[in-house]
């Protein structure tokens, strides 16, 4: 790859990820190599692009003005590479996927395994985040496609995949575990562990619609931290069924007394044709639940 383009990519990725280290991991370079390339750009252009300290990096005012042009050049290269991939019949290529934890754990390995059998030379770049993060990454072009919750935001085309039930999660031997279905109001009487998936809307809205308020004692973005806390008897929670598959925690899982689901879809940017690799990848989504 032409050296200047590599420098532009180093600049763009460092800004997107907020870290030299993370940009280096994505681009398969050393941290010092990424820092050196950005330093070269600053000397060539005669401007300071980034402020740096121990807490991370951020754009200077000049950096903000230059970023859109560098990003456009990187996007043009990606489009050129897409055409090369098409001419080569998917003998090479890169798919950048935005994904949240339950899909990354239980669906994506099956999909990629099946896809890789037919297209072994395709590479993958996974960006872990929450619903709103992933939607924004798709719109910005940081990822080619991403798994989201419906309804999704504007500017996205979506492919509905599955309804995922939301279930009550209780310590083993808990009094509520004796019931086949658990009432939402009963969960409000216990210390509650709240999973905040981005805005946490799918969980907080469930209580709000019933005019209830859980007694929240612990908030986290980590599903497994919730299960560990519940296992120790520190409280109760509700989690999506998908993340509860094949877990080793000693917890009890029960249905709720009200219908509660999240609708999962794959999204791409509206009115933008995906690369051939992404188009083919989409046809393998049915392998998500294969054994």
C-alpha atoms as a PDB file:
ATOM      1  CA  UNK A   1       0.000   0.000   0.000  1.00  0.00           C
ATOM      2  CA  UNK A   2       1.253   3.508  -0.859  1.00  0.00           C
ATOM      3  CA  UNK A   3       2.975   5.005   2.189  1.00  0.00           C
ATOM      4  CA  UNK A   4       0.966   8.243   2.313  1.00  0.00           C
ATOM      5  CA  UNK A   5      -2.295   6.266   2.298  1.00  0.00           C
ATOM      6  CA  UNK A   6      -1.040   4.246   5.243  1.00  0.00           C
ATOM      7  CA  UNK A   7      -0.364   7.498   7.096  1.00  0.00           C
ATOM      8  CA  UNK A   8      -3.894   8.718   6.369  1.00  0.00           C
ATOM      9  CA  UNK A   9      -5.326   5.404   7.600  1.00  0.00           C
ATOM     10  CA  UNK A  10      -3.224   5.618  10.761  1.00  0.00           C
ATOM     11  CA  UNK A  11      -4.566   9.127  11.397  1.00  0.00           C
ATOM     12  CA  UNK A  12      -8.205   8.185  10.728  1.00  0.00           C
ATOM     13  CA  UNK A  13      -8.116   4.964  12.783  1.00  0.00           C
ATOM     14  CA  UNK A  14      -6.397   6.637  15.730  1.00  0.00           C
ATOM     15  CA  UNK A  15      -9.109   9.292  15.842  1.00  0.00           C
ATOM     16  CA  UNK A  16     -11.928   6.759  15.434  1.00  0.00           C
ATOM     17  CA  UNK A  17     -10.599   4.470  18.169  1.00  0.00           C
ATOM     18  CA  UNK A  18      -9.138   7.196  20.409  1.00  0.00           C
ATOM     19  CA  UNK A  19      -5.922   5.279  20.905  1.00  0.00           C
ATOM     20  CA  UNK A  20      -2.582   4.624  19.158  1.00  0.00           C
ATOM     21  CA  UNK A  21      -2.599   1.111  20.626  1.00  0.00           C
ATOM     22  CA  UNK A  22      -6.045   0.206  19.255  1.00  0.00           C
ATOM     23  CA  UNK A  23      -5.237   1.675  15.842  1.00  0.00           C
ATOM     24  CA  UNK A  24      -2.011  -0.341  15.787  1.00  0.00           C
ATOM     25  CA  UNK A  25      -3.924  -3.546  16.528  1.00  0.00           C
ATOM     26  CA  UNK A  26      -6.409  -2.927  13.718  1.00  0.00           C
ATOM     27  CA  UNK A  27      -3.740  -1.973  11.154  1.00  0.00           C
ATOM     28  CA  UNK A  28      -1.234  -4.654  12.279  1.00  0.00           C
ATOM     29  CA  UNK A  29       1.478  -2.141  13.129  1.00  0.00           C
ATOM     30  CA  UNK A  30       3.382  -1.317  16.282  1.00  0.00           C
ATOM     31  CA  UNK A  31       2.153   1.559  18.439  1.00  0.00           C
ATOM     32  CA  UNK A  32       5.388   3.423  17.756  1.00  0.00           C
ATOM     33  CA  UNK A  33       4.886   2.889  14.008  1.00  0.00           C
ATOM     34  CA  UNK A  34       1.414   4.457  14.132  1.00  0.00           C
ATOM     35  CA  UNK A  35       2.696   7.380  16.190  1.00  0.00           C
ATOM     36  CA  UNK A  36       5.590   7.879  13.772  1.00  0.00           C
ATOM     37  CA  UNK A  37       3.303   7.920  10.706  1.00  0.00           C
ATOM     38  CA  UNK A  38       1.053  10.556  12.257  1.00  0.00           C
ATOM     39  CA  UNK A  39       4.111  12.549  13.275  1.00  0.00           C
ATOM     40  CA  UNK A  40       5.297  12.394   9.640  1.00  0.00           C
ATOM     41  CA  UNK A  41       1.927  13.759   8.487  1.00  0.00           C
ATOM     42  CA  UNK A  42       2.137  16.622  10.971  1.00  0.00           C
ATOM     43  CA  UNK A  43       5.615  17.566   9.716  1.00  0.00           C
ATOM     44  CA  UNK A  44       4.606  17.236   6.045  1.00  0.00           C
ATOM     45  CA  UNK A  45       1.486  19.361   6.500  1.00  0.00           C
ATOM     46  CA  UNK A  46       3.003  21.775   8.992  1.00  0.00           C
ATOM     47  CA  UNK A  47       0.157  21.418  11.489  1.00  0.00           C
ATOM     48  CA  UNK A  48      -0.530  19.639  14.784  1.00  0.00           C
ATOM     49  CA  UNK A  49      -3.249  17.032  14.203  1.00  0.00           C
ATOM     50  CA  UNK A  50      -3.570  15.407  17.625  1.00  0.00           C
ATOM     51  CA  UNK A  51      -3.158  16.282  21.274  1.00  0.00           C
ATOM     52  CA  UNK A  52      -1.688  13.423  23.293  1.00  0.00           C
ATOM     53  CA  UNK A  53      -1.517  12.533  26.977  1.00  0.00           C
ATOM     54  CA  UNK A  54      -1.900   9.466  29.186  1.00  0.00           C
ATOM     55  CA  UNK A  55      -5.705   9.556  28.987  1.00  0.00           C
ATOM     56  CA  UNK A  56      -5.731   9.261  25.191  1.00  0.00           C
ATOM     57  CA  UNK A  57      -5.671  11.367  22.048  1.00  0.00           C
ATOM     58  CA  UNK A  58      -8.007  13.977  20.592  1.00  0.00           C
ATOM     59  CA  UNK A  59      -8.153  16.222  17.553  1.00  0.00           C
ATOM     60  CA  UNK A  60      -6.730  19.709  17.453  1.00  0.00           C
ATOM     61  CA  UNK A  61      -8.711  22.379  15.588  1.00  0.00           C
ATOM     62  CA  UNK A  62      -6.491  21.801  12.521  1.00  0.00           C
ATOM     63  CA  UNK A  63      -6.948  18.061  12.916  1.00  0.00           C
ATOM     64  CA  UNK A  64     -10.728  18.480  12.797  1.00  0.00           C
ATOM     65  CA  UNK A  65     -10.406  20.357   9.513  1.00  0.00           C
ATOM     66  CA  UNK A  66      -8.099  17.761   7.947  1.00  0.00           C
ATOM     67  CA  UNK A  67      -9.892  14.603   9.134  1.00  0.00           C
ATOM     68  CA  UNK A  68     -12.754  14.648   6.559  1.00  0.00           C
ATOM     69  CA  UNK A  69     -10.274  14.823   3.663  1.00  0.00           C
ATOM     70  CA  UNK A  70      -8.150  11.972   5.038  1.00  0.00           C
ATOM     71  CA  UNK A  71     -11.293   9.914   5.641  1.00  0.00           C
ATOM     72  CA  UNK A  72     -12.516  10.542   2.083  1.00  0.00           C
ATOM     73  CA  UNK A  73      -9.212   9.256   0.699  1.00  0.00           C
ATOM     74  CA  UNK A  74      -9.453   6.108   2.847  1.00  0.00           C
ATOM     75  CA  UNK A  75     -13.058   5.556   1.725  1.00  0.00           C
ATOM     76  CA  UNK A  76     -12.038   5.922  -1.929  1.00  0.00           C
ATOM     77  CA  UNK A  77      -9.334   3.310  -1.392  1.00  0.00           C
ATOM     78  CA  UNK A  78     -11.903   0.979   0.189  1.00  0.00           C
ATOM     79  CA  UNK A  79     -14.141   1.403  -2.866  1.00  0.00           C
ATOM     80  CA  UNK A  80     -11.197   0.678  -5.158  1.00  0.00           C
ATOM     81  CA  UNK A  81     -10.395  -2.436  -3.129  1.00  0.00           C
ATOM     82  CA  UNK A  82     -14.035  -3.504  -3.396  1.00  0.00           C
ATOM     83  CA  UNK A  83     -13.751  -3.486  -7.174  1.00  0.00           C
ATOM     84  CA  UNK A  84     -10.501  -5.446  -7.001  1.00  0.00           C
ATOM     85  CA  UNK A  85     -12.230  -8.023  -4.787  1.00  0.00           C
ATOM     86  CA  UNK A  86     -15.036  -8.355  -7.330  1.00  0.00           C
ATOM     87  CA  UNK A  87     -12.570  -8.895 -10.174  1.00  0.00           C
ATOM     88  CA  UNK A  88     -10.722 -11.502  -8.121  1.00  0.00           C
ATOM     89  CA  UNK A  89     -13.917 -13.401  -7.280  1.00  0.00           C
ATOM     90  CA  UNK A  90     -13.469 -12.991  -3.524  1.00  0.00           C
ATOM     91  CA  UNK A  91      -9.938 -14.348  -3.468  1.00  0.00           C
ATOM     92  CA  UNK A  92      -9.221 -11.525  -1.032  1.00  0.00           C
ATOM     93  CA  UNK A  93     -11.138  -8.889   0.893  1.00  0.00           C
ATOM     94  CA  UNK A  94     -12.025  -7.452   4.292  1.00  0.00           C
ATOM     95  CA  UNK A  95     -15.361  -7.385   6.111  1.00  0.00           C
ATOM     96  CA  UNK A  96     -15.707  -4.907   9.001  1.00  0.00           C
ATOM     97  CA  UNK A  97     -18.539  -5.909  11.334  1.00  0.00           C
ATOM     98  CA  UNK A  98     -20.125  -4.049  14.253  1.00  0.00           C
ATOM     99  CA  UNK A  99     -21.352  -6.506  16.848  1.00  0.00           C
ATOM    100  CA  UNK A 100     -22.566  -6.697  20.462  1.00  0.00           C
ATOM    101  CA  UNK A 101     -21.484  -9.359  22.941  1.00  0.00           C
ATOM    102  CA  UNK A 102     -24.266 -11.952  22.716  1.00  0.00           C
ATOM    103  CA  UNK A 103     -24.142 -12.072  18.907  1.00  0.00           C
ATOM    104  CA  UNK A 104     -20.328 -12.136  18.940  1.00  0.00           C
ATOM    105  CA  UNK A 105     -20.400 -15.081  21.326  1.00  0.00           C
ATOM    106  CA  UNK A 106     -23.219 -17.236  19.963  1.00  0.00           C
ATOM    107  CA  UNK A 107     -23.912 -16.340  16.311  1.00  0.00           C
ATOM    108  CA  UNK A 108     -20.848 -14.883  14.671  1.00  0.00           C
ATOM    109  CA  UNK A 109     -18.491 -17.883  15.124  1.00  0.00           C
ATOM    110  CA  UNK A 110     -20.985 -20.137  13.291  1.00  0.00           C
ATOM    111  CA  UNK A 111     -21.521 -17.626  10.479  1.00  0.00           C
ATOM    112  CA  UNK A 112     -17.812 -16.998   9.944  1.00  0.00           C
ATOM    113  CA  UNK A 113     -16.969 -20.696  10.146  1.00  0.00           C
ATOM    114  CA  UNK A 114     -19.424 -21.490   7.338  1.00  0.00           C
ATOM    115  CA  UNK A 115     -18.363 -18.478   5.264  1.00  0.00           C
ATOM    116  CA  UNK A 116     -14.663 -19.230   5.685  1.00  0.00           C
ATOM    117  CA  UNK A 117     -15.049 -22.730   4.258  1.00  0.00           C
ATOM    118  CA  UNK A 118     -16.069 -21.211   0.934  1.00  0.00           C
ATOM    119  CA  UNK A 119     -14.001 -18.007   1.073  1.00  0.00           C
ATOM    120  CA  UNK A 120     -10.892 -18.783   3.147  1.00  0.00           C
ATOM    121  CA  UNK A 121      -8.942 -15.659   2.142  1.00  0.00           C
ATOM    122  CA  UNK A 122     -11.449 -13.103   3.436  1.00  0.00           C
ATOM    123  CA  UNK A 123     -10.308 -11.218   6.534  1.00  0.00           C
ATOM    124  CA  UNK A 124     -12.539  -9.869   9.316  1.00  0.00           C
ATOM    125  CA  UNK A 125     -12.390  -6.797  11.524  1.00  0.00           C
ATOM    126  CA  UNK A 126     -14.788  -6.932  14.491  1.00  0.00           C
ATOM    127  CA  UNK A 127     -15.833  -3.786  16.350  1.00  0.00           C
ATOM    128  CA  UNK A 128     -17.475  -4.527  19.685  1.00  0.00           C
ATOM    129  CA  UNK A 129     -20.045  -2.024  20.913  1.00  0.00           C
ATOM    130  CA  UNK A 130     -23.649  -1.347  21.777  1.00  0.00           C
ATOM    131  CA  UNK A 131     -26.639  -0.679  19.545  1.00  0.00           C
ATOM    132  CA  UNK A 132     -26.223   3.063  19.107  1.00  0.00           C
ATOM    133  CA  UNK A 133     -22.456   2.759  18.708  1.00  0.00           C
ATOM    134  CA  UNK A 134     -22.879   0.230  15.916  1.00  0.00           C
ATOM    135  CA  UNK A 135     -25.502   2.313  14.115  1.00  0.00           C
ATOM    136  CA  UNK A 136     -23.182   5.317  14.184  1.00  0.00           C
ATOM    137  CA  UNK A 137     -20.220   3.272  12.933  1.00  0.00           C
ATOM    138  CA  UNK A 138     -22.271   2.082   9.948  1.00  0.00           C
ATOM    139  CA  UNK A 139     -23.337   5.630   9.074  1.00  0.00           C
ATOM    140  CA  UNK A 140     -19.746   6.885   9.385  1.00  0.00           C
ATOM    141  CA  UNK A 141     -18.371   4.024   7.283  1.00  0.00           C
ATOM    142  CA  UNK A 142     -16.227   2.638  10.100  1.00  0.00           C
ATOM    143  CA  UNK A 143     -17.886  -0.764   9.617  1.00  0.00           C
ATOM    144  CA  UNK A 144     -19.478  -2.322   6.527  1.00  0.00           C
ATOM    145  CA  UNK A 145     -22.379  -3.884   8.384  1.00  0.00           C
ATOM    146  CA  UNK A 146     -23.505  -4.415  11.948  1.00  0.00           C
ATOM    147  CA  UNK A 147     -25.931  -6.219  14.205  1.00  0.00           C
ATOM    148  CA  UNK A 148     -28.518  -3.862  15.714  1.00  0.00           C
ATOM    149  CA  UNK A 149     -31.780  -3.854  17.620  1.00  0.00           C
ATOM    150  CA  UNK A 150     -34.995  -2.899  15.829  1.00  0.00           C
ATOM    151  CA  UNK A 151     -36.287  -0.320  15.342  1.00  0.00           C
ATOM    152  CA  UNK A 152     -32.991   1.043  14.034  1.00  0.00           C
ATOM    153  CA  UNK A 153     -32.194   4.683  13.384  1.00  0.00           C
ATOM    154  CA  UNK A 154     -32.509   6.626  10.152  1.00  0.00           C
ATOM    155  CA  UNK A 155     -30.160   6.024   7.245  1.00  0.00           C
ATOM    156  CA  UNK A 156     -29.954   2.258   7.671  1.00  0.00           C
ATOM    157  CA  UNK A 157     -31.290  -0.688   5.682  1.00  0.00           C
ATOM    158  CA  UNK A 158     -31.981  -3.674   7.933  1.00  0.00           C
ATOM    159  CA  UNK A 159     -32.513  -7.421   7.559  1.00  0.00           C
ATOM    160  CA  UNK A 160     -34.609  -8.855  10.402  1.00  0.00           C
ATOM    161  CA  UNK A 161     -33.008 -11.988  11.856  1.00  0.00           C
ATOM    162  CA  UNK A 162     -34.682 -13.113  15.051  1.00  0.00           C
ATOM    163  CA  UNK A 163     -36.730 -12.253  18.126  1.00  0.00           C
ATOM    164  CA  UNK A 164     -34.746 -12.784  21.303  1.00  0.00           C
ATOM    165  CA  UNK A 165     -36.747 -13.220  24.497  1.00  0.00           C
ATOM    166  CA  UNK A 166     -35.866 -11.239  27.618  1.00  0.00           C
ATOM    167  CA  UNK A 167     -35.858 -13.475  30.713  1.00  0.00           C
ATOM    168  CA  UNK A 168     -35.605 -13.146  34.476  1.00  0.00           C
ATOM    169  CA  UNK A 169     -32.247 -14.181  35.958  1.00  0.00           C
ATOM    170  CA  UNK A 170     -32.235 -15.323  39.593  1.00  0.00           C
ATOM    171  CA  UNK A 171     -29.882 -16.979  42.084  1.00  0.00           C
ATOM    172  CA  UNK A 172     -30.367 -20.724  42.347  1.00  0.00           C
ATOM    173  CA  UNK A 173     -32.745 -21.498  45.188  1.00  0.00           C
ATOM    174  CA  UNK A 174     -34.266 -18.007  45.154  1.00  0.00           C
ATOM    175  CA  UNK A 175     -37.943 -17.889  46.140  1.00  0.00           C
ATOM    176  CA  UNK A 176     -38.914 -16.498  42.719  1.00  0.00           C
ATOM    177  CA  UNK A 177     -37.167 -19.421  40.996  1.00  0.00           C
ATOM    178  CA  UNK A 178     -39.958 -21.680  42.247  1.00  0.00           C
ATOM    179  CA  UNK A 179     -42.346 -20.004  39.821  1.00  0.00           C
ATOM    180  CA  UNK A 180     -42.746 -20.850  36.131  1.00  0.00           C
ATOM    181  CA  UNK A 181     -43.145 -17.168  35.281  1.00  0.00           C
ATOM    182  CA  UNK A 182     -41.890 -14.195  37.277  1.00  0.00           C
ATOM    183  CA  UNK A 183     -43.860 -10.969  37.662  1.00  0.00           C
ATOM    184  CA  UNK A 184     -42.046  -7.729  36.922  1.00  0.00           C
ATOM    185  CA  UNK A 185     -43.307  -6.220  40.147  1.00  0.00           C
ATOM    186  CA  UNK A 186     -41.747  -9.108  42.093  1.00  0.00           C
ATOM    187  CA  UNK A 187     -38.347  -8.221  40.619  1.00  0.00           C
ATOM    188  CA  UNK A 188     -38.791  -4.667  41.912  1.00  0.00           C
ATOM    189  CA  UNK A 189     -38.847  -6.016  45.472  1.00  0.00           C
ATOM    190  CA  UNK A 190     -35.293  -7.364  45.097  1.00  0.00           C
ATOM    191  CA  UNK A 191     -31.888  -5.696  44.617  1.00  0.00           C
ATOM    192  CA  UNK A 192     -31.674  -5.326  40.841  1.00  0.00           C
ATOM    193  CA  UNK A 193     -28.651  -5.677  38.540  1.00  0.00           C
ATOM    194  CA  UNK A 194     -29.247  -3.501  35.458  1.00  0.00           C
ATOM    195  CA  UNK A 195     -27.611  -4.248  32.125  1.00  0.00           C
ATOM    196  CA  UNK A 196     -27.170  -0.999  30.260  1.00  0.00           C
ATOM    197  CA  UNK A 197     -26.977  -1.909  26.554  1.00  0.00           C
ATOM    198  CA  UNK A 198     -26.081   1.546  25.264  1.00  0.00           C
ATOM    199  CA  UNK A 199     -29.066   3.535  26.542  1.00  0.00           C
ATOM    200  CA  UNK A 200     -30.446   0.499  28.381  1.00  0.00           C
ATOM    201  CA  UNK A 201     -33.781   1.217  26.698  1.00  0.00           C
ATOM    202  CA  UNK A 202     -34.924  -2.348  26.145  1.00  0.00           C
ATOM    203  CA  UNK A 203     -34.790  -3.046  29.880  1.00  0.00           C
ATOM    204  CA  UNK A 204     -35.801   0.239  31.472  1.00  0.00           C
ATOM    205  CA  UNK A 205     -38.703   0.682  29.032  1.00  0.00           C
ATOM    206  CA  UNK A 206     -40.079  -2.685  30.097  1.00  0.00           C
ATOM    207  CA  UNK A 207     -40.505  -1.415  33.653  1.00  0.00           C
ATOM    208  CA  UNK A 208     -41.629   2.045  32.580  1.00  0.00           C
ATOM    209  CA  UNK A 209     -44.489   0.621  30.487  1.00  0.00           C
ATOM    210  CA  UNK A 210     -45.720  -1.207  33.581  1.00  0.00           C
ATOM    211  CA  UNK A 211     -45.299   1.933  35.740  1.00  0.00           C
ATOM    212  CA  UNK A 212     -42.663   0.146  37.793  1.00  0.00           C
ATOM    213  CA  UNK A 213     -39.178   1.083  38.972  1.00  0.00           C
ATOM    214  CA  UNK A 214     -36.597  -1.589  39.853  1.00  0.00           C
ATOM    215  CA  UNK A 215     -34.443  -1.183  42.939  1.00  0.00           C
ATOM    216  CA  UNK A 216     -31.183  -0.805  40.971  1.00  0.00           C
ATOM    217  CA  UNK A 217     -28.087  -1.608  43.038  1.00  0.00           C
ATOM    218  CA  UNK A 218     -25.594  -2.314  40.243  1.00  0.00           C
ATOM    219  CA  UNK A 219     -25.211  -1.047  36.660  1.00  0.00           C
ATOM    220  CA  UNK A 220     -22.873  -2.436  34.033  1.00  0.00           C
ATOM    221  CA  UNK A 221     -22.451  -2.945  30.284  1.00  0.00           C
ATOM    222  CA  UNK A 222     -21.162  -6.495  30.845  1.00  0.00           C
ATOM    223  CA  UNK A 223     -23.691  -9.355  30.651  1.00  0.00           C
ATOM    224  CA  UNK A 224     -21.334 -11.792  32.358  1.00  0.00           C
ATOM    225  CA  UNK A 225     -20.715  -9.448  35.286  1.00  0.00           C
ATOM    226  CA  UNK A 226     -24.484  -9.463  35.849  1.00  0.00           C
ATOM    227  CA  UNK A 227     -24.592 -13.265  35.898  1.00  0.00           C
ATOM    228  CA  UNK A 228     -21.648 -13.449  38.295  1.00  0.00           C
ATOM    229  CA  UNK A 229     -23.350 -11.019  40.704  1.00  0.00           C
ATOM    230  CA  UNK A 230     -26.643 -12.913  40.533  1.00  0.00           C
ATOM    231  CA  UNK A 231     -24.858 -16.230  41.121  1.00  0.00           C
ATOM    232  CA  UNK A 232     -23.455 -14.801  44.374  1.00  0.00           C
ATOM    233  CA  UNK A 233     -26.956 -13.871  45.524  1.00  0.00           C
ATOM    234  CA  UNK A 234     -26.383 -10.122  45.259  1.00  0.00           C
ATOM    235  CA  UNK A 235     -29.593  -9.493  43.366  1.00  0.00           C
ATOM    236  CA  UNK A 236     -31.770 -10.378  40.372  1.00  0.00           C
ATOM    237  CA  UNK A 237     -31.835  -9.192  36.782  1.00  0.00           C
ATOM    238  CA  UNK A 238     -33.297  -9.598  33.302  1.00  0.00           C
ATOM    239  CA  UNK A 239     -31.148 -10.537  30.307  1.00  0.00           C
ATOM    240  CA  UNK A 240     -31.634 -11.526  26.660  1.00  0.00           C
ATOM    241  CA  UNK A 241     -32.002 -15.260  26.101  1.00  0.00           C
ATOM    242  CA  UNK A 242     -29.179 -15.336  23.560  1.00  0.00           C
ATOM    243  CA  UNK A 243     -26.501 -14.380  26.084  1.00  0.00           C
ATOM    244  CA  UNK A 244     -27.809 -17.017  28.523  1.00  0.00           C
ATOM    245  CA  UNK A 245     -26.972 -19.954  26.246  1.00  0.00           C
ATOM    246  CA  UNK A 246     -24.204 -22.334  27.330  1.00  0.00           C
ATOM    247  CA  UNK A 247     -23.282 -20.379  30.464  1.00  0.00           C
ATOM    248  CA  UNK A 248     -21.619 -22.076  33.417  1.00  0.00           C
ATOM    249  CA  UNK A 249     -23.004 -19.762  36.100  1.00  0.00           C
ATOM    250  CA  UNK A 250     -25.230 -21.324  38.740  1.00  0.00           C
ATOM    251  CA  UNK A 251     -28.311 -19.229  38.082  1.00  0.00           C
ATOM    252  CA  UNK A 252     -32.008 -19.838  37.479  1.00  0.00           C
ATOM    253  CA  UNK A 253     -33.653 -18.477  34.324  1.00  0.00           C
ATOM    254  CA  UNK A 254     -37.426 -17.946  34.164  1.00  0.00           C
ATOM    255  CA  UNK A 255     -39.937 -16.402  31.769  1.00  0.00           C
ATOM    256  CA  UNK A 256     -41.474 -13.040  32.601  1.00  0.00           C
ATOM    257  CA  UNK A 257     -45.219 -12.649  33.041  1.00  0.00           C
ATOM    258  CA  UNK A 258     -45.285 -10.001  30.274  1.00  0.00           C
ATOM    259  CA  UNK A 259     -44.157 -10.434  26.635  1.00  0.00           C
ATOM    260  CA  UNK A 260     -40.600  -9.143  26.370  1.00  0.00           C
ATOM    261  CA  UNK A 261     -38.386  -9.516  23.310  1.00  0.00           C
ATOM    262  CA  UNK A 262     -35.698  -7.681  21.406  1.00  0.00           C
ATOM    263  CA  UNK A 263     -35.665  -7.836  17.610  1.00  0.00           C
ATOM    264  CA  UNK A 264     -32.186  -8.372  16.183  1.00  0.00           C
ATOM    265  CA  UNK A 265     -31.272  -7.358  12.637  1.00  0.00           C
ATOM    266  CA  UNK A 266     -28.243  -6.865  10.426  1.00  0.00           C
ATOM    267  CA  UNK A 267     -27.875  -3.312   9.132  1.00  0.00           C
ATOM    268  CA  UNK A 268     -25.976  -1.646   6.292  1.00  0.00           C
ATOM    269  CA  UNK A 269     -25.884   1.965   5.222  1.00  0.00           C
ATOM    270  CA  UNK A 270     -28.974   3.019   3.281  1.00  0.00           C
ATOM    271  CA  UNK A 271     -28.582   3.612  -0.496  1.00  0.00           C
ATOM    272  CA  UNK A 272     -24.992   2.336  -0.459  1.00  0.00           C
ATOM    273  CA  UNK A 273     -24.230  -0.911  -2.207  1.00  0.00           C
ATOM    274  CA  UNK A 274     -22.177  -3.224   0.041  1.00  0.00           C
ATOM    275  CA  UNK A 275     -18.971  -4.797  -1.215  1.00  0.00           C
ATOM    276  CA  UNK A 276     -19.212  -8.201  -2.872  1.00  0.00           C
ATOM    277  CA  UNK A 277     -17.711  -9.784   0.253  1.00  0.00           C
ATOM    278  CA  UNK A 278     -20.424  -8.250   2.462  1.00  0.00           C
ATOM    279  CA  UNK A 279     -23.169  -9.245   0.011  1.00  0.00           C
ATOM    280  CA  UNK A 280     -21.950 -12.848   0.154  1.00  0.00           C
ATOM    281  CA  UNK A 281     -21.561 -12.688   3.937  1.00  0.00           C
ATOM    282  CA  UNK A 282     -25.220 -11.693   4.274  1.00  0.00           C
ATOM    283  CA  UNK A 283     -26.274 -14.901   2.514  1.00  0.00           C
ATOM    284  CA  UNK A 284     -24.612 -16.914   5.298  1.00  0.00           C
ATOM    285  CA  UNK A 285     -26.617 -15.390   8.182  1.00  0.00           C
ATOM    286  CA  UNK A 286     -28.830 -18.482   8.364  1.00  0.00           C
ATOM    287  CA  UNK A 287     -25.851 -20.411   9.715  1.00  0.00           C
ATOM    288  CA  UNK A 288     -26.006 -18.405  12.970  1.00  0.00           C
ATOM    289  CA  UNK A 289     -27.704 -21.190  14.956  1.00  0.00           C
ATOM    290  CA  UNK A 290     -25.855 -24.126  13.395  1.00  0.00           C
ATOM    291  CA  UNK A 291     -24.233 -26.653  15.709  1.00  0.00           C
END
